[in-house]
Amino acid sequence: MINESYFQNSAGEKFRYMEKAAAAPKAVILGVHGYAEHIGRYAGHISEFFVQRGFSFFMMENRGHGKSVGRKGHIDRFDQFIDDLHVFRKMVDKRAGGLPVFMLAHSNGSLISARYVLAHGDGIRGLVLSGIPIRTAAKVNPVKLKVGMLLAGVVPKFSMPTELDPYTLCHDKEIVDDYVADPLVHKIMSVGFAKGFLDAMADLLARAGEFRSPVLFQHGGDDRACDPPSAREFYSKIASTDKQFVMYDTLWHEIYNEPGNEGILKTGAEWMEKRI
């Protein structure tokens, strides 16, 4: 059964979250969704797979996403995501009751999670990161990019439609059709968010030597959103002694939604089970 509710931070801002409890939990997953998403996209086969294997599953909606606080597609400071996640993580730790806590994240959620453990990694047993953005795969018009970065310093909330073709997210057309029609999936991005996102990626790569947490990277080899070679570059540079990188050569960005996703989810589950 899924429990959906809200929690508040110290400023009284409200964030929606979901909790899906395993019958006899052996560990807890703290999930972190990607850009423009919401918890509903993980409430089905993804969370259910892990719950059936004994992992209780928690996920909050990030600031500016779903029904949580914030302007859609914008954030004043990228590491507000980290601050918000830390409030949620404290709540999850209490619910975990001493069970191991893992993080499982996708896309921008993987970027958030990787940055999170640089500041608050103690107590996180390991991370499973899919489609981590270190550099974008999509080609951005250089003039548009330059203008956007200039605007970010003047009118950071100015928003434009995102350029990513949703039909390159995964090969399951029904899932993409639902994504396109979903009113909780926003299709815009502010110039302030774009600058913060680009800066956060560059900073994470520069700080790769500080990353020491156990981690499994999973990445679609034909990812059209987040550049696969850059993800492997980050993997090669991190200081973790317990690390693994799995590339799925023909898959696109949302590997957990691709046909045959059960085997991909199983790889993540088995990796975590070996570290309980």
Foldseek 3Di string as FASTA:
>chain_A
DKDWDWDADPVRWIWIKIKAAAPAAQAEEEEEEAALAACVVCPPDNQVLLSPVRYIYMYIAFALFFPGHHPHQDDQAVCVRLVVVVVVVVVVVVVGVPHQYEYEYAEVRLLNVQVNCLPVVPRHLEYEYEQYALDWLADDDPVVLVVLLVVCVPPQQDKDFDDDDLCQQWVPVVSSVCLVVPPRRDGMHGSVVVVNSNVSSPVCLVVQQSRAGAYEYEYEQAENTHHPVSVVSSQVRHNHPHYYYHYRNHTYRNLCPYVVNSVVSVVVSVVVVVRD
